[in-house]
């Protein structure tokens, strides 16, 4: 018991405990800050994977449109409502 009490009266031990508490709870980069940073990094990694997948998908679509003239025409008609000179275009909006 005396040995345990002498540990708490040791100035180096007290300084170490105070410094540790300060770094864990009161510092600018405390535990909560580190936790939020880690969560943000994980979210950014998920976003990165999603956008890499989307880029790959769009590149495949682009290559298909370059190689296939019919697919290019279909894409232009569906996405940009383009039409041939002798056609009429009707847009149907669903409510």
N, C-alpha and C. Protein backbone atom coordinates (compact mmCIF):
# COMPACT_ATOMS: atom_id res chain seq x y z
N UNK A 1 0.81 -1.19 0.00
CA UNK A 1 0.00 0.00 0.00
C UNK A 1 0.86 1.27 0.00
N UNK A 2 1.96 1.21 0.78
CA UNK A 2 2.86 2.36 0.82
C UNK A 2 3.53 2.57 -0.53
N UNK A 3 3.86 1.47 -1.18
CA UNK A 3 4.50 1.55 -2.49
C UNK A 3 3.54 2.18 -3.50
N UNK A 4 2.29 1.83 -3.40
CA UNK A 4 1.26 2.38 -4.29
C UNK A 4 1.08 3.88 -4.05
N UNK A 5 1.08 4.30 -2.79
CA UNK A 5 0.95 5.72 -2.47
C UNK A 5 2.19 6.51 -2.87
N UNK A 6 3.33 5.87 -2.75
CA UNK A 6 4.57 6.57 -3.12
C UNK A 6 4.62 6.80 -4.64
N UNK A 7 3.95 5.95 -5.38
CA UNK A 7 3.90 6.12 -6.83
C UNK A 7 3.14 7.41 -7.19
N UNK A 8 2.06 7.69 -6.46
CA UNK A 8 1.28 8.89 -6.72
C UNK A 8 1.94 10.16 -6.20
N UNK A 9 2.88 10.05 -5.35
CA UNK A 9 3.59 11.24 -4.87
C UNK A 9 4.85 11.51 -5.69
N UNK A 10 5.18 10.60 -6.55
CA UNK A 10 6.34 10.78 -7.42
C UNK A 10 6.00 11.84 -8.47
N UNK A 11 6.82 12.88 -8.56
CA UNK A 11 6.51 14.00 -9.45
C UNK A 11 6.61 13.60 -10.93
N UNK A 12 7.47 12.67 -11.27
CA UNK A 12 7.58 12.24 -12.66
C UNK A 12 6.34 11.45 -13.09
N UNK A 13 5.86 10.61 -12.20
CA UNK A 13 4.65 9.84 -12.48
C UNK A 13 3.45 10.78 -12.62
N UNK A 14 3.34 11.73 -11.72
CA UNK A 14 2.24 12.69 -11.79
C UNK A 14 2.30 13.50 -13.08
N UNK A 15 3.49 13.93 -13.45
CA UNK A 15 3.64 14.67 -14.70
C UNK A 15 3.23 13.82 -15.90
N UNK A 16 3.63 12.55 -15.89
CA UNK A 16 3.28 11.64 -16.98
C UNK A 16 1.77 11.45 -17.06
N UNK A 17 1.12 11.27 -15.93
CA UNK A 17 -0.34 11.08 -15.92
C UNK A 17 -1.05 12.34 -16.42
N UNK A 18 -0.62 13.49 -15.94
CA UNK A 18 -1.23 14.75 -16.37
C UNK A 18 -1.01 14.97 -17.86
N UNK A 19 0.20 14.74 -18.33
CA UNK A 19 0.49 14.91 -19.76
C UNK A 19 -0.34 13.94 -20.60
N UNK A 20 -0.48 12.71 -20.16
CA UNK A 20 -1.27 11.73 -20.88
C UNK A 20 -2.75 12.13 -20.92
N UNK A 21 -3.28 12.56 -19.79
CA UNK A 21 -4.67 13.01 -19.76
C UNK A 21 -4.88 14.22 -20.67
N UNK A 22 -3.92 15.12 -20.63
CA UNK A 22 -4.03 16.30 -21.49
C UNK A 22 -4.06 15.90 -22.97
N UNK A 23 -3.17 15.01 -23.35
CA UNK A 23 -3.10 14.60 -24.76
C UNK A 23 -4.33 13.81 -25.18
N UNK A 24 -4.91 13.03 -24.28
CA UNK A 24 -6.06 12.21 -24.63
C UNK A 24 -7.37 12.98 -24.69
N UNK A 25 -7.54 13.99 -23.84
CA UNK A 25 -8.85 14.62 -23.73
C UNK A 25 -8.88 16.12 -24.03
N UNK A 26 -7.79 16.84 -23.81
CA UNK A 26 -7.84 18.29 -23.91
C UNK A 26 -7.05 18.87 -25.06
N UNK A 27 -6.21 18.10 -25.67
CA UNK A 27 -5.36 18.59 -26.75
C UNK A 27 -6.20 18.86 -28.00
N UNK A 28 -5.65 19.62 -28.91
CA UNK A 28 -6.34 19.91 -30.17
C UNK A 28 -6.58 18.63 -30.98
N UNK A 29 -5.69 17.68 -30.89
CA UNK A 29 -5.80 16.42 -31.62
C UNK A 29 -6.09 15.29 -30.63
N UNK A 30 -7.16 15.44 -29.89
CA UNK A 30 -7.51 14.45 -28.88
C UNK A 30 -8.10 13.18 -29.50
N UNK A 31 -8.58 12.29 -28.65
CA UNK A 31 -9.11 11.01 -29.15
C UNK A 31 -10.32 11.19 -30.06
N UNK A 32 -11.23 12.09 -29.71
CA UNK A 32 -12.42 12.30 -30.54
C UNK A 32 -12.04 12.84 -31.91
N UNK A 33 -11.08 13.74 -31.94
CA UNK A 33 -10.62 14.28 -33.22
C UNK A 33 -10.02 13.18 -34.07
N UNK A 34 -9.22 12.31 -33.47
CA UNK A 34 -8.63 11.19 -34.21
C UNK A 34 -9.70 10.23 -34.71
N UNK A 35 -10.72 9.99 -33.90
CA UNK A 35 -11.82 9.11 -34.29
C UNK A 35 -12.58 9.69 -35.48
N UNK A 36 -12.90 10.98 -35.41
CA UNK A 36 -13.61 11.62 -36.52
C UNK A 36 -12.76 11.62 -37.79
N UNK A 37 -11.46 11.84 -37.64
CA UNK A 37 -10.57 11.81 -38.79
C UNK A 37 -10.55 10.42 -39.42
N UNK A 38 -10.51 9.38 -38.60
CA UNK A 38 -10.50 8.01 -39.10
C UNK A 38 -11.80 7.71 -39.85
N UNK A 39 -12.93 8.15 -39.30
CA UNK A 39 -14.22 7.95 -39.98
C UNK A 39 -14.25 8.68 -41.31
N UNK A 40 -13.72 9.89 -41.34
CA UNK A 40 -13.70 10.65 -42.58
C UNK A 40 -12.80 9.97 -43.62
N UNK A 41 -11.69 9.43 -43.19
CA UNK A 41 -10.80 8.72 -44.10
C UNK A 41 -11.51 7.50 -44.68
N UNK A 42 -12.23 6.77 -43.84
CA UNK A 42 -12.96 5.61 -44.32
C UNK A 42 -14.03 6.00 -45.33
N UNK A 43 -14.74 7.10 -45.06
CA UNK A 43 -15.77 7.56 -45.99
C UNK A 43 -15.14 7.99 -47.31
N UNK A 44 -14.01 8.66 -47.25
CA UNK A 44 -13.33 9.09 -48.47
C UNK A 44 -12.81 7.89 -49.27
N UNK A 45 -12.37 6.85 -48.59
CA UNK A 45 -11.93 5.64 -49.28
C UNK A 45 -13.11 4.98 -50.00
N UNK A 46 -14.28 4.94 -49.33
CA UNK A 46 -15.47 4.38 -49.98
C UNK A 46 -15.86 5.22 -51.19
N UNK A 47 -15.79 6.54 -51.05
CA UNK A 47 -16.09 7.42 -52.18
C UNK A 47 -15.11 7.21 -53.32
N UNK A 48 -13.86 7.02 -52.99
CA UNK A 48 -12.84 6.80 -54.00
C UNK A 48 -13.14 5.52 -54.79
N UNK A 49 -13.49 4.45 -54.09
CA UNK A 49 -13.83 3.20 -54.78
C UNK A 49 -15.06 3.37 -55.67
N UNK A 50 -16.06 4.09 -55.16
CA UNK A 50 -17.27 4.32 -55.94
C UNK A 50 -16.95 5.08 -57.21
N UNK A 51 -16.18 6.15 -57.11
CA UNK A 51 -15.86 6.96 -58.28
C UNK A 51 -14.94 6.22 -59.25
N UNK A 52 -14.06 5.39 -58.74
CA UNK A 52 -13.24 4.58 -59.64
C UNK A 52 -14.10 3.61 -60.44
N UNK A 53 -15.09 3.03 -59.77
CA UNK A 53 -16.02 2.14 -60.45
C UNK A 53 -16.82 2.90 -61.50
N UNK A 54 -17.30 4.09 -61.15
CA UNK A 54 -18.08 4.89 -62.10
C UNK A 54 -17.22 5.31 -63.30
N UNK A 55 -15.98 5.67 -63.07
CA UNK A 55 -15.08 6.05 -64.16
C UNK A 55 -14.86 4.86 -65.09
N UNK A 56 -14.65 3.69 -64.50
CA UNK A 56 -14.46 2.49 -65.32
C UNK A 56 -15.71 2.20 -66.15
N UNK A 57 -16.88 2.33 -65.55
CA UNK A 57 -18.13 2.09 -66.26
C UNK A 57 -18.31 3.09 -67.40
N UNK A 58 -18.02 4.36 -67.15
CA UNK A 58 -18.15 5.38 -68.19
C UNK A 58 -17.14 5.19 -69.31
N UNK A 59 -15.94 4.75 -68.97
CA UNK A 59 -14.94 4.48 -70.01
C UNK A 59 -15.38 3.34 -70.91
N UNK A 60 -15.97 2.30 -70.30
CA UNK A 60 -16.48 1.19 -71.11
C UNK A 60 -17.61 1.65 -72.01
N UNK A 61 -18.49 2.48 -71.47
CA UNK A 61 -19.60 3.02 -72.27
C UNK A 61 -19.07 3.89 -73.41
N UNK A 62 -18.07 4.70 -73.12
CA UNK A 62 -17.47 5.56 -74.14
C UNK A 62 -16.86 4.74 -75.26
N UNK A 63 -16.14 3.68 -74.90
CA UNK A 63 -15.54 2.82 -75.92
C UNK A 63 -16.62 2.14 -76.77
N UNK A 64 -17.72 1.73 -76.13
CA UNK A 64 -18.80 1.11 -76.87
C UNK A 64 -19.42 2.11 -77.84
N UNK A 65 -19.58 3.37 -77.42
CA UNK A 65 -20.16 4.38 -78.30
C UNK A 65 -19.23 4.72 -79.45
N UNK A 66 -17.94 4.68 -79.22
CA UNK A 66 -16.98 4.96 -80.28
C UNK A 66 -17.01 3.85 -81.33
N UNK A 67 -17.14 2.62 -80.89
CA UNK A 67 -17.07 1.48 -81.79
C UNK A 67 -18.40 1.18 -82.49
N UNK A 68 -19.52 1.50 -81.87
CA UNK A 68 -20.82 1.11 -82.39
C UNK A 68 -21.63 2.35 -82.75
N UNK A 69 -21.85 2.55 -84.04
CA UNK A 69 -22.58 3.72 -84.52
C UNK A 69 -24.05 3.71 -84.09
N UNK A 70 -24.66 2.55 -84.06
CA UNK A 70 -26.07 2.45 -83.64
C UNK A 70 -26.22 2.79 -82.15
N UNK A 71 -25.29 2.35 -81.35
CA UNK A 71 -25.34 2.65 -79.92
C UNK A 71 -25.16 4.15 -79.69
N UNK A 72 -24.31 4.77 -80.50
CA UNK A 72 -24.10 6.22 -80.39
C UNK A 72 -25.37 6.97 -80.74
N UNK A 73 -26.05 6.54 -81.79
CA UNK A 73 -27.30 7.19 -82.19
C UNK A 73 -28.37 7.01 -81.10
N UNK A 74 -28.48 5.81 -80.56
CA UNK A 74 -29.45 5.54 -79.50
C UNK A 74 -29.15 6.40 -78.27
N UNK A 75 -27.89 6.50 -77.91
CA UNK A 75 -27.49 7.31 -76.76
C UNK A 75 -27.83 8.78 -76.98
N UNK A 76 -27.55 9.30 -78.15
CA UNK A 76 -27.84 10.70 -78.46
C UNK A 76 -29.33 10.96 -78.43
N UNK A 77 -30.13 10.03 -78.93
CA UNK A 77 -31.58 10.20 -78.93
C UNK A 77 -32.13 10.17 -77.51
N UNK A 78 -31.64 9.25 -76.68
CA UNK A 78 -32.18 9.10 -75.33
C UNK A 78 -31.69 10.18 -74.38
N UNK A 79 -30.45 10.52 -74.44
CA UNK A 79 -29.87 11.45 -73.47
C UNK A 79 -30.04 12.92 -73.87
N UNK A 80 -29.91 13.20 -75.16
CA UNK A 80 -29.91 14.60 -75.60
C UNK A 80 -31.11 14.95 -76.48
N UNK A 81 -32.06 14.02 -76.63
CA UNK A 81 -33.29 14.21 -77.39
C UNK A 81 -33.00 14.69 -78.81
N UNK A 82 -31.98 14.15 -79.40
CA UNK A 82 -31.64 14.51 -80.77
C UNK A 82 -32.54 13.73 -81.72
N UNK A 83 -32.70 14.26 -82.91
CA UNK A 83 -33.57 13.61 -83.90
C UNK A 83 -33.01 13.86 -85.28
N UNK A 84 -33.51 13.06 -86.18
CA UNK A 84 -33.13 13.26 -87.59
C UNK A 84 -33.95 14.41 -88.15
N UNK A 85 -33.55 14.90 -89.30
CA UNK A 85 -34.18 16.08 -89.88
C UNK A 85 -35.65 15.84 -90.23
N UNK A 86 -36.02 14.65 -90.63
CA UNK A 86 -37.39 14.39 -91.07
C UNK A 86 -38.25 13.74 -89.99
N UNK A 87 -37.84 13.83 -88.74
CA UNK A 87 -38.57 13.21 -87.63
C UNK A 87 -39.18 14.27 -86.71
N UNK A 88 -40.21 13.86 -86.01
CA UNK A 88 -40.78 14.67 -84.95
C UNK A 88 -40.44 14.02 -83.62
N UNK A 89 -40.20 14.83 -82.61
CA UNK A 89 -39.82 14.32 -81.30
C UNK A 89 -40.93 14.62 -80.31
N UNK A 90 -41.41 13.58 -79.65
CA UNK A 90 -42.44 13.72 -78.63
C UNK A 90 -41.85 13.27 -77.30
N UNK A 91 -41.96 14.13 -76.30
CA UNK A 91 -41.44 13.82 -74.98
C UNK A 91 -42.62 13.56 -74.07
N UNK A 92 -42.67 12.37 -73.48
CA UNK A 92 -43.76 11.99 -72.59
C UNK A 92 -43.24 12.04 -71.16
N UNK A 93 -43.91 12.86 -70.36
CA UNK A 93 -43.50 13.02 -68.96
C UNK A 93 -44.48 12.25 -68.08
N UNK A 94 -43.97 11.35 -67.26
CA UNK A 94 -44.81 10.60 -66.33
C UNK A 94 -44.96 11.39 -65.04
N UNK A 95 -46.19 11.49 -64.56
CA UNK A 95 -46.44 12.22 -63.31
C UNK A 95 -46.30 11.32 -62.12
